[in-house]
N, C-alpha and C. Protein backbone atom coordinates (compact mmCIF):
# COMPACT_ATOMS: atom_id res chain seq x y z
N UNK A 1 189.93 -9.10 233.35
CA UNK A 1 188.76 -8.92 232.52
C UNK A 1 189.04 -9.56 231.18
N UNK A 2 188.08 -10.24 230.65
CA UNK A 2 188.19 -10.94 229.38
C UNK A 2 187.77 -10.01 228.26
N UNK A 3 188.56 -9.95 227.20
CA UNK A 3 188.22 -9.12 226.04
C UNK A 3 187.58 -10.01 225.00
N UNK A 4 186.34 -9.69 224.64
CA UNK A 4 185.63 -10.51 223.68
C UNK A 4 185.83 -10.05 222.24
N UNK A 5 186.76 -9.14 222.03
CA UNK A 5 187.09 -8.70 220.69
C UNK A 5 186.33 -7.47 220.24
N UNK A 6 185.39 -6.99 221.06
CA UNK A 6 184.66 -5.79 220.64
C UNK A 6 185.15 -4.55 221.37
N UNK A 7 186.23 -4.71 222.13
CA UNK A 7 186.78 -3.58 222.85
C UNK A 7 185.99 -3.22 224.09
N UNK A 8 185.03 -4.02 224.46
CA UNK A 8 184.18 -3.69 225.59
C UNK A 8 184.37 -4.60 226.76
N UNK A 9 185.45 -5.33 226.84
CA UNK A 9 185.66 -6.21 227.97
C UNK A 9 184.64 -7.33 227.99
N UNK A 10 184.04 -7.58 229.17
CA UNK A 10 183.08 -8.68 229.31
C UNK A 10 181.71 -8.36 228.74
N UNK A 11 181.44 -7.11 228.48
CA UNK A 11 180.12 -6.74 228.01
C UNK A 11 179.84 -7.32 226.63
N UNK A 12 178.67 -7.88 226.48
CA UNK A 12 178.27 -8.41 225.17
C UNK A 12 177.98 -7.26 224.23
N UNK A 13 178.22 -7.46 222.98
CA UNK A 13 177.94 -6.43 221.99
C UNK A 13 176.44 -6.20 221.91
N UNK A 14 176.07 -4.94 221.71
CA UNK A 14 174.65 -4.62 221.54
C UNK A 14 174.16 -5.31 220.27
N UNK A 15 172.90 -5.79 220.29
CA UNK A 15 172.39 -6.47 219.09
C UNK A 15 172.33 -5.50 217.91
N UNK A 16 172.66 -5.99 216.75
CA UNK A 16 172.54 -5.18 215.54
C UNK A 16 171.06 -4.89 215.30
N UNK A 17 170.76 -3.83 214.55
CA UNK A 17 169.37 -3.45 214.30
C UNK A 17 168.58 -4.61 213.71
N UNK A 18 169.17 -5.35 212.78
CA UNK A 18 168.48 -6.49 212.18
C UNK A 18 168.15 -7.56 213.20
N UNK A 19 169.09 -7.82 214.13
CA UNK A 19 168.85 -8.81 215.19
C UNK A 19 167.73 -8.35 216.11
N UNK A 20 167.70 -7.07 216.38
CA UNK A 20 166.69 -6.51 217.28
C UNK A 20 165.28 -6.67 216.72
N UNK A 21 165.16 -6.60 215.39
CA UNK A 21 163.85 -6.75 214.75
C UNK A 21 163.22 -8.09 215.04
N UNK A 22 164.04 -9.10 215.29
CA UNK A 22 163.54 -10.45 215.53
C UNK A 22 163.23 -10.72 217.00
N UNK A 23 163.49 -9.75 217.88
CA UNK A 23 163.20 -9.95 219.29
C UNK A 23 161.70 -10.06 219.49
N UNK A 24 161.26 -10.94 220.41
CA UNK A 24 159.81 -11.12 220.63
C UNK A 24 159.07 -9.82 220.93
N UNK A 25 159.68 -8.89 221.63
CA UNK A 25 158.99 -7.64 221.96
C UNK A 25 158.67 -6.85 220.70
N UNK A 26 159.59 -6.80 219.74
CA UNK A 26 159.34 -6.04 218.52
C UNK A 26 158.39 -6.79 217.58
N UNK A 27 158.43 -8.11 217.60
CA UNK A 27 157.46 -8.88 216.83
C UNK A 27 156.05 -8.65 217.37
N UNK A 28 155.91 -8.66 218.69
CA UNK A 28 154.61 -8.42 219.32
C UNK A 28 154.14 -6.99 219.06
N UNK A 29 155.06 -6.03 219.14
CA UNK A 29 154.71 -4.64 218.88
C UNK A 29 154.18 -4.47 217.45
N UNK A 30 154.88 -5.04 216.49
CA UNK A 30 154.45 -4.93 215.09
C UNK A 30 153.07 -5.55 214.90
N UNK A 31 152.84 -6.71 215.48
CA UNK A 31 151.56 -7.40 215.35
C UNK A 31 150.43 -6.56 215.97
N UNK A 32 150.64 -6.08 217.19
CA UNK A 32 149.59 -5.34 217.89
C UNK A 32 149.30 -3.99 217.23
N UNK A 33 150.35 -3.33 216.72
CA UNK A 33 150.12 -2.06 216.01
C UNK A 33 149.36 -2.30 214.71
N UNK A 34 149.63 -3.39 214.04
CA UNK A 34 148.91 -3.72 212.81
C UNK A 34 147.42 -3.88 213.11
N UNK A 35 147.09 -4.60 214.18
CA UNK A 35 145.68 -4.78 214.56
C UNK A 35 145.06 -3.44 214.95
N UNK A 36 145.78 -2.66 215.75
CA UNK A 36 145.28 -1.36 216.20
C UNK A 36 145.01 -0.44 215.01
N UNK A 37 145.93 -0.38 214.07
CA UNK A 37 145.76 0.50 212.91
C UNK A 37 144.62 0.03 212.01
N UNK A 38 144.47 -1.28 211.84
CA UNK A 38 143.35 -1.79 211.05
C UNK A 38 142.03 -1.38 211.69
N UNK A 39 141.95 -1.56 213.00
CA UNK A 39 140.71 -1.17 213.70
C UNK A 39 140.49 0.34 213.65
N UNK A 40 141.57 1.10 213.77
CA UNK A 40 141.45 2.56 213.72
C UNK A 40 140.91 3.02 212.37
N UNK A 41 141.38 2.41 211.27
CA UNK A 41 140.88 2.77 209.94
C UNK A 41 139.39 2.46 209.83
N UNK A 42 138.99 1.31 210.32
CA UNK A 42 137.57 0.95 210.28
C UNK A 42 136.74 1.91 211.13
N UNK A 43 137.25 2.24 212.32
CA UNK A 43 136.53 3.16 213.21
C UNK A 43 136.46 4.56 212.61
N UNK A 44 137.51 4.97 211.91
CA UNK A 44 137.51 6.30 211.31
C UNK A 44 136.38 6.41 210.28
N UNK A 45 136.18 5.35 209.52
CA UNK A 45 135.08 5.36 208.56
C UNK A 45 133.73 5.46 209.24
N UNK A 46 133.56 4.72 210.33
CA UNK A 46 132.30 4.76 211.09
C UNK A 46 132.07 6.16 211.66
N UNK A 47 133.12 6.73 212.25
CA UNK A 47 132.98 8.05 212.86
C UNK A 47 132.70 9.11 211.81
N UNK A 48 133.35 9.00 210.65
CA UNK A 48 133.09 9.95 209.57
C UNK A 48 131.62 9.90 209.17
N UNK A 49 131.07 8.69 209.02
CA UNK A 49 129.65 8.56 208.66
C UNK A 49 128.73 9.10 209.75
N UNK A 50 129.17 9.00 211.01
CA UNK A 50 128.36 9.55 212.10
C UNK A 50 128.34 11.07 212.06
N UNK A 51 129.45 11.67 211.63
CA UNK A 51 129.48 13.13 211.50
C UNK A 51 128.57 13.55 210.35
N UNK A 52 128.72 12.87 209.21
CA UNK A 52 127.87 13.15 208.04
C UNK A 52 127.95 11.94 207.12
N UNK A 53 126.80 11.47 206.62
CA UNK A 53 126.81 10.26 205.78
C UNK A 53 127.70 10.36 204.54
N UNK A 54 127.94 11.58 204.05
CA UNK A 54 128.74 11.77 202.83
C UNK A 54 130.19 12.13 203.12
N UNK A 55 130.59 12.10 204.38
CA UNK A 55 131.96 12.49 204.74
C UNK A 55 132.94 11.36 204.43
N UNK A 56 134.02 11.71 203.73
CA UNK A 56 135.07 10.73 203.45
C UNK A 56 135.79 10.40 204.76
N UNK A 57 136.13 9.12 204.97
CA UNK A 57 136.84 8.75 206.20
C UNK A 57 138.12 9.55 206.44
N UNK A 58 138.85 9.85 205.38
CA UNK A 58 140.10 10.58 205.54
C UNK A 58 139.90 12.01 206.04
N UNK A 59 138.71 12.56 205.85
CA UNK A 59 138.44 13.93 206.27
C UNK A 59 138.12 14.03 207.76
N UNK A 60 137.82 12.90 208.39
CA UNK A 60 137.48 12.94 209.82
C UNK A 60 138.64 13.50 210.64
N UNK A 61 139.85 13.05 210.37
CA UNK A 61 141.02 13.53 211.10
C UNK A 61 141.22 15.03 210.95
N UNK A 62 140.89 15.55 209.80
CA UNK A 62 140.98 16.98 209.55
C UNK A 62 140.01 17.74 210.46
N UNK A 63 138.79 17.22 210.58
CA UNK A 63 137.80 17.86 211.45
C UNK A 63 138.24 17.82 212.91
N UNK A 64 138.80 16.68 213.33
CA UNK A 64 139.29 16.57 214.72
C UNK A 64 140.40 17.58 214.97
N UNK A 65 141.31 17.72 214.01
CA UNK A 65 142.41 18.68 214.15
C UNK A 65 141.86 20.10 214.31
N UNK A 66 140.88 20.46 213.50
CA UNK A 66 140.28 21.79 213.62
C UNK A 66 139.56 21.96 214.95
N UNK A 67 138.93 20.89 215.42
CA UNK A 67 138.25 20.94 216.71
C UNK A 67 139.24 21.17 217.84
N UNK A 68 140.38 20.51 217.77
CA UNK A 68 141.38 20.62 218.84
C UNK A 68 142.20 21.90 218.77
N UNK A 69 142.51 22.37 217.57
CA UNK A 69 143.46 23.48 217.41
C UNK A 69 142.87 24.77 216.89
N UNK A 70 141.60 24.74 216.51
CA UNK A 70 141.00 25.95 215.96
C UNK A 70 141.38 26.16 214.51
N UNK A 71 141.01 27.31 213.99
CA UNK A 71 141.22 27.58 212.57
C UNK A 71 142.70 27.55 212.21
N UNK A 72 142.95 27.07 211.00
CA UNK A 72 144.33 26.92 210.53
C UNK A 72 144.38 27.12 209.03
N UNK A 73 145.57 27.40 208.55
CA UNK A 73 145.80 27.47 207.11
C UNK A 73 145.69 26.06 206.53
N UNK A 74 145.20 26.01 205.32
CA UNK A 74 145.08 24.72 204.64
C UNK A 74 146.44 24.06 204.47
N UNK A 75 147.49 24.86 204.25
CA UNK A 75 148.84 24.29 204.09
C UNK A 75 149.30 23.63 205.38
N UNK A 76 148.98 24.21 206.53
CA UNK A 76 149.35 23.61 207.82
C UNK A 76 148.57 22.31 208.04
N UNK A 77 147.30 22.30 207.65
CA UNK A 77 146.50 21.09 207.77
C UNK A 77 147.03 19.99 206.86
N UNK A 78 147.42 20.35 205.65
CA UNK A 78 147.96 19.38 204.70
C UNK A 78 149.24 18.77 205.26
N UNK A 79 150.10 19.59 205.84
CA UNK A 79 151.35 19.08 206.41
C UNK A 79 151.06 18.16 207.59
N UNK A 80 150.12 18.52 208.43
CA UNK A 80 149.79 17.70 209.60
C UNK A 80 149.21 16.35 209.18
N UNK A 81 148.28 16.36 208.23
CA UNK A 81 147.63 15.14 207.79
C UNK A 81 148.57 14.31 206.90
N UNK A 82 149.48 15.00 206.22
CA UNK A 82 150.43 14.31 205.35
C UNK A 82 149.91 14.14 203.93
N UNK A 83 149.24 15.17 203.43
CA UNK A 83 148.73 15.13 202.06
C UNK A 83 149.21 16.38 201.32
N UNK A 84 149.08 16.38 200.02
CA UNK A 84 149.47 17.52 199.21
C UNK A 84 148.41 18.62 199.22
N UNK A 85 148.80 19.77 198.66
CA UNK A 85 147.89 20.91 198.61
C UNK A 85 146.63 20.61 197.82
N UNK A 86 146.77 19.90 196.70
CA UNK A 86 145.60 19.60 195.87
C UNK A 86 144.61 18.72 196.62
N UNK A 87 145.11 17.71 197.31
CA UNK A 87 144.24 16.83 198.09
C UNK A 87 143.54 17.61 199.19
N UNK A 88 144.30 18.47 199.88
CA UNK A 88 143.71 19.27 200.96
C UNK A 88 142.65 20.22 200.40
N UNK A 89 142.94 20.82 199.28
CA UNK A 89 141.98 21.73 198.67
C UNK A 89 140.68 21.00 198.34
N UNK A 90 140.79 19.80 197.79
CA UNK A 90 139.61 19.01 197.46
C UNK A 90 138.82 18.66 198.72
N UNK A 91 139.54 18.25 199.79
CA UNK A 91 138.86 17.89 201.04
C UNK A 91 138.17 19.10 201.67
N UNK A 92 138.84 20.25 201.66
CA UNK A 92 138.24 21.45 202.23
C UNK A 92 136.99 21.84 201.45
N UNK A 93 137.05 21.78 200.13
CA UNK A 93 135.86 22.10 199.33
C UNK A 93 134.71 21.15 199.64
N UNK A 94 135.02 19.85 199.76
CA UNK A 94 133.98 18.87 200.09
C UNK A 94 133.38 19.16 201.45
N UNK A 95 134.21 19.51 202.42
CA UNK A 95 133.72 19.84 203.76
C UNK A 95 132.90 21.12 203.76
N UNK A 96 133.29 22.08 202.94
CA UNK A 96 132.49 23.31 202.79
C UNK A 96 131.11 22.97 202.22
N UNK A 97 131.10 22.12 201.18
CA UNK A 97 129.83 21.74 200.56
C UNK A 97 128.90 21.04 201.55
N UNK A 98 129.48 20.32 202.52
CA UNK A 98 128.68 19.64 203.55
C UNK A 98 128.29 20.57 204.70
N UNK A 99 128.78 21.80 204.67
CA UNK A 99 128.47 22.77 205.72
C UNK A 99 129.23 22.55 207.02
N UNK A 100 130.35 21.83 206.95
CA UNK A 100 131.11 21.50 208.16
C UNK A 100 132.27 22.45 208.44
N UNK A 101 132.80 23.08 207.38
CA UNK A 101 133.88 24.05 207.55
C UNK A 101 133.60 25.28 206.71
N UNK A 102 134.31 26.32 207.04
CA UNK A 102 134.25 27.55 206.28
C UNK A 102 135.68 28.02 206.06
N UNK A 103 135.88 28.78 205.00
CA UNK A 103 137.19 29.39 204.73
C UNK A 103 137.05 30.90 204.86
N UNK A 104 138.09 31.51 205.42
CA UNK A 104 138.11 32.96 205.55
C UNK A 104 139.52 33.45 205.26
N UNK A 105 139.64 34.66 204.75
CA UNK A 105 140.99 35.17 204.46
C UNK A 105 141.83 35.25 205.75
N UNK A 106 143.10 34.94 205.61
CA UNK A 106 144.02 35.03 206.74
C UNK A 106 144.41 36.49 206.91
N UNK A 107 144.09 37.10 208.07
CA UNK A 107 144.42 38.52 208.25
C UNK A 107 145.93 38.79 208.21
N UNK A 108 146.74 37.77 208.48
CA UNK A 108 148.19 37.95 208.45
C UNK A 108 148.76 37.86 207.04
N UNK A 109 148.00 37.30 206.10
CA UNK A 109 148.47 37.12 204.73
C UNK A 109 147.25 37.03 203.83
N UNK A 110 146.96 38.09 203.12
CA UNK A 110 145.77 38.18 202.29
C UNK A 110 145.69 37.13 201.19
N UNK A 111 146.82 36.49 200.86
CA UNK A 111 146.81 35.45 199.83
C UNK A 111 146.39 34.10 200.38
N UNK A 112 146.45 33.94 201.70
CA UNK A 112 146.18 32.64 202.33
C UNK A 112 144.76 32.63 202.92
N UNK A 113 144.28 31.40 203.15
CA UNK A 113 142.96 31.19 203.72
C UNK A 113 143.08 30.41 205.02
N UNK A 114 142.18 30.69 205.95
CA UNK A 114 142.08 29.92 207.19
C UNK A 114 140.84 29.05 207.09
N UNK A 115 140.98 27.83 207.53
CA UNK A 115 139.87 26.87 207.53
C UNK A 115 139.41 26.73 208.97
N UNK A 116 138.11 26.77 209.19
CA UNK A 116 137.55 26.65 210.54
C UNK A 116 136.27 25.82 210.49
N UNK A 117 135.98 25.18 211.61
CA UNK A 117 134.71 24.46 211.72
C UNK A 117 133.56 25.45 211.76
N UNK A 118 132.45 25.10 211.14
CA UNK A 118 131.23 25.87 211.31
C UNK A 118 130.61 25.46 212.64
N UNK A 119 129.59 26.15 213.08
CA UNK A 119 128.90 25.76 214.30
C UNK A 119 128.35 24.34 214.19
N UNK A 120 127.77 24.02 213.04
CA UNK A 120 127.24 22.67 212.83
C UNK A 120 128.37 21.65 212.81
N UNK A 121 129.48 21.99 212.18
CA UNK A 121 130.62 21.09 212.13
C UNK A 121 131.16 20.79 213.52
N UNK A 122 131.28 21.83 214.34
CA UNK A 122 131.77 21.64 215.71
C UNK A 122 130.81 20.78 216.52
N UNK A 123 129.52 21.04 216.37
CA UNK A 123 128.51 20.27 217.11
C UNK A 123 128.57 18.79 216.73
N UNK A 124 128.66 18.50 215.45
CA UNK A 124 128.69 17.11 214.99
C UNK A 124 129.97 16.39 215.44
N UNK A 125 131.11 17.07 215.30
CA UNK A 125 132.38 16.46 215.71
C UNK A 125 132.39 16.22 217.21
N UNK A 126 131.92 17.18 217.98
CA UNK A 126 131.88 17.03 219.44
C UNK A 126 131.02 15.84 219.83
N UNK A 127 129.86 15.70 219.20
CA UNK A 127 128.96 14.58 219.52
C UNK A 127 129.63 13.24 219.23
N UNK A 128 130.29 13.12 218.09
CA UNK A 128 130.94 11.86 217.71
C UNK A 128 132.12 11.57 218.62
N UNK A 129 132.92 12.59 218.94
CA UNK A 129 134.07 12.38 219.82
C UNK A 129 133.63 11.97 221.22
N UNK A 130 132.57 12.58 221.73
CA UNK A 130 132.06 12.20 223.05
C UNK A 130 131.56 10.76 223.05
N UNK A 131 130.88 10.37 221.98
CA UNK A 131 130.39 8.99 221.87
C UNK A 131 131.57 8.01 221.80
N UNK A 132 132.63 8.39 221.10
CA UNK A 132 133.81 7.53 221.00
C UNK A 132 134.47 7.37 222.37
N UNK A 133 134.62 8.47 223.10
CA UNK A 133 135.21 8.38 224.45
C UNK A 133 134.34 7.52 225.36
N UNK A 134 133.03 7.62 225.22
CA UNK A 134 132.13 6.78 226.03
C UNK A 134 132.33 5.31 225.69
N UNK A 135 132.55 4.98 224.41
CA UNK A 135 132.82 3.59 224.03
C UNK A 135 134.14 3.12 224.64
N UNK A 136 135.16 3.96 224.59
CA UNK A 136 136.44 3.59 225.22
C UNK A 136 136.24 3.35 226.71
N UNK A 137 135.52 4.26 227.36
CA UNK A 137 135.29 4.12 228.80
C UNK A 137 134.55 2.83 229.12
N UNK A 138 133.58 2.49 228.29
CA UNK A 138 132.83 1.26 228.51
C UNK A 138 133.68 0.01 228.31
N UNK A 139 134.46 0.01 227.24
CA UNK A 139 135.29 -1.17 226.95
C UNK A 139 136.45 -1.33 227.92
N UNK A 140 136.91 -0.23 228.49
CA UNK A 140 138.04 -0.29 229.42
C UNK A 140 137.62 -0.07 230.87
N UNK A 141 136.34 -0.24 231.15
CA UNK A 141 135.82 -0.01 232.50
C UNK A 141 136.52 -0.88 233.54
N UNK A 142 136.96 -2.07 233.16
CA UNK A 142 137.62 -2.98 234.10
C UNK A 142 139.11 -2.66 234.27
N UNK A 143 139.64 -1.69 233.52
CA UNK A 143 141.02 -1.27 233.67
C UNK A 143 141.11 -0.27 234.82
N UNK A 144 142.21 -0.29 235.51
CA UNK A 144 142.50 0.71 236.52
C UNK A 144 142.81 2.03 235.81
N UNK A 145 142.43 3.14 236.41
CA UNK A 145 142.67 4.43 235.76
C UNK A 145 144.15 4.69 235.52
N UNK A 146 145.02 4.14 236.37
CA UNK A 146 146.45 4.33 236.14
C UNK A 146 146.91 3.58 234.88
N UNK A 147 146.25 2.44 234.56
CA UNK A 147 146.59 1.72 233.33
C UNK A 147 146.18 2.52 232.10
N UNK A 148 145.02 3.15 232.15
CA UNK A 148 144.57 3.97 231.04
C UNK A 148 145.51 5.16 230.87
N UNK A 149 145.90 5.77 231.98
CA UNK A 149 146.84 6.89 231.93
C UNK A 149 148.17 6.46 231.35
N UNK A 150 148.65 5.30 231.75
CA UNK A 150 149.93 4.79 231.25
C UNK A 150 149.85 4.47 229.75
N UNK A 151 148.76 3.88 229.33
CA UNK A 151 148.59 3.60 227.90
C UNK A 151 148.61 4.91 227.11
N UNK A 152 147.89 5.91 227.56
CA UNK A 152 147.87 7.21 226.88
C UNK A 152 149.28 7.81 226.84
N UNK A 153 150.01 7.70 227.95
CA UNK A 153 151.37 8.24 228.00
C UNK A 153 152.28 7.53 227.01
N UNK A 154 152.19 6.20 226.96
CA UNK A 154 153.05 5.44 226.05
C UNK A 154 152.67 5.69 224.58
N UNK A 155 151.39 5.80 224.29
CA UNK A 155 150.98 6.11 222.92
C UNK A 155 151.45 7.50 222.51
N UNK A 156 151.39 8.44 223.44
CA UNK A 156 151.89 9.79 223.17
C UNK A 156 153.39 9.74 222.89
N UNK A 157 154.11 8.98 223.67
CA UNK A 157 155.55 8.84 223.47
C UNK A 157 155.85 8.22 222.11
N UNK A 158 155.09 7.18 221.74
CA UNK A 158 155.26 6.55 220.44
C UNK A 158 154.97 7.55 219.32
N UNK A 159 153.89 8.30 219.45
CA UNK A 159 153.55 9.29 218.44
C UNK A 159 154.63 10.35 218.31
N UNK A 160 155.20 10.78 219.43
CA UNK A 160 156.28 11.76 219.38
C UNK A 160 157.49 11.21 218.65
N UNK A 161 157.82 9.94 218.92
CA UNK A 161 158.97 9.30 218.25
C UNK A 161 158.72 9.19 216.75
N UNK A 162 157.49 8.90 216.36
CA UNK A 162 157.17 8.73 214.95
C UNK A 162 157.20 10.07 214.19
N UNK A 163 157.08 11.17 214.92
CA UNK A 163 157.13 12.50 214.30
C UNK A 163 158.54 12.90 213.91
N UNK A 164 159.53 12.25 214.50
CA UNK A 164 160.94 12.63 214.27
C UNK A 164 161.41 12.23 212.91
């Protein structure tokens, strides 16, 4: 067996992190994620306006989180969205003013508040999310269902890795 100086015999040394960044797969990944994120930001603004003409695009994700997970503390929502308490407080107040959410005292801690969708908020978010899924289904109609499932699985895996 030939020793190439890395103590690993014939095996080539693993590429350094910097070398790996230049691999075509990572260049393509960076490019495609940039396009996806740009489109997602634009779509988020459109969806926010569909929920309510005065809704800030950044608040749409908050409404989706409440739709998926039910009522939550504002601090938990701030951590999930990645904003500070002051920003979350401002967004919750704006959503209250639009009639999309309500705040109620947390029975487990009288000092804390739980944020929940109102009936109107849930109805509007549900309508917009269903319309978005219909657009995805239309645009991906020529994809095999296993490809859609695989894409969802890989995106979930990517999202899990990004949470670490």
